[in-house]
Amino acid sequence: MAVRLAAPSPVSVWTWSLTAGLHKDGEAAEPDSHSPRVALDFIDAYQGAAIFHLKDFHEPLRESAEIRRRLRDLHQSCRDRWKFTVISSPVRAIPEELDRSLMFVELRLPDLVELIQFLREETRQTSGQPGVASISEATLHQFGRALQGLTLEEARFALRRGLAVGKGLGPESLPALFEEKRLLVNRGGVIEYIAEGGSMAEVGGLPGLKKWLLERKKLFQMRDTHDDEIVPKGILIMGIPGCGKSLSIKATASYFELPLYRVDMTAVFSGQHGTPDAAFVDACKTMEDVAPAVLWFDEIETGMIAAADSGGAQGRLFAFFLTWMQEKTRGLFVAATANRVDLLPAELLRKGRFDELFFVDLPTDDERLEIFKIHLDRRGVDSSQFDLGQLTAFTHGWTGAEVEQCVVSSITKARLADRTVTSHDLLSVAAAVVPLSHTMKEQINHIRNWAFERAVRASPRQTGR
């Protein structure tokens, strides 16, 4: 018959650090307890139940075989004595000798519930200051979603920045919080927080893509009540450079009302942040902590081609990505762009990883005129004053980027002459442009042929193409 031992109550809590030594809460440190060895000897000799918290103890463990051996002895001697040792560390560094004697617990970033509780406590302190109004529950949730992906200390920094903007915290403080978050997230070098989004109104054409996003938006917002199979996971947008792939991703994040993050694959493979596979895994896990969000892989073929064809760290990166795409948290929508999707490995393109593969072709005649209107209106020029239909023949085969540069060049030409831009400016600039579809004709035809039966068209096919 087994006897269950009851833990004494209350249990003392002791804390050790290299600078403060070993001490009980609210009491002075034990004499000469700054030494790691002395601290372990004290734990061994201590009579009674207690919890011992050793801060940053990974350094003594890493540097001293004596300390590693003494901790293993302590593991044996403290068994069934209600004495527990907790080692906290900002890095994972477990010596091989101790791997099976320790239980490793990784504390992830605070979730939305923790952040909102933290915000309640923080704002309770500031709301009592003169001229500072109390914060509403709706604003608390706004702030909590804005601060997801940060530690509590980082969230405190961001909150202080928002408070410094004006008197109190309110919706007007959100830009300051987002800016602080951008600085904190971007310092890692692999993940970039994109604060400047876009809107679907700024995307000319692409009705097929827009319709798909419209249908999936509601499903994604109701993801907690639906099965994993029908919750949107992500899209891959491939096509000709300069036709709005990146702008579509930014607009998708705004349309889904989610923050946008971009993974820099060049930084992943640079070696500056450790091995490529470790840096990539860490980035993906971090993104799961900040979910819900849109995660953007720009020109994904530049990294995945090399990873798929390589062994070692790069091969492990590709294998992890394939599994992660199917098993990641449902609050993360992955949006990838590619110029040469035909170079991507088949394992990445099969159904189940991305919900849909869209092909963005050169804009049709109607889409080019819509893009002209968008870029003119964005720059304060009334597009209704122009007969844009005249531009159709001059801009056949143009990309959206070439349309934008035509507008920019025309406005620049008019400003230099100290007058307003005219239709003649647009026509004269357009007549001098040699589009990408002419200079890279063979490559563009190759991309089109590959996508013909393999991808969903983001725009209707124009007659004559």
Foldseek 3Di string as FASTA:
>chain_A
DDDDDDADPPAWEWEAELVQFIDTPPDHHDPPRSDLVNVLVCLLPDAGAHEYEYEQCLVVVVPDPVSVVSVVVSLVSCPPRNYYYHYDHPDDRDDPVCPVVDDDDDDAADALVVQLVLVVVVQVVLCPDPQAHREDPVQSSVLSLLCFLDHSVLSVVQVVQLCVVDRYHDPVSSVSSNVSVQVVVCVLVFKGWDPDFAAPLLQFFLQQVVVVLVVLLVLCVVVVVDDLVNNAAEEEEEEAPQACQVNVLRNSQVVSVFTEMEGDLCSLVVCPNHHSQVVLVVVLVSVLRSFLHEYEYEQVLVQQLVLVPDDDSSVNNNVVLLVCLQVGDSSYYYYYYHHCCVSHDPSCQDPRNHPFYEYRYADDLNRLLSLLCSLCVVVVHHSVVAPCNVCSVLQPPAHSNVSNVLNVQQQVVQVVVPHGGYNVSSVVSSNPDDHPCVVVVVVNVVSCVVCVPPHHYSHDDDPPD
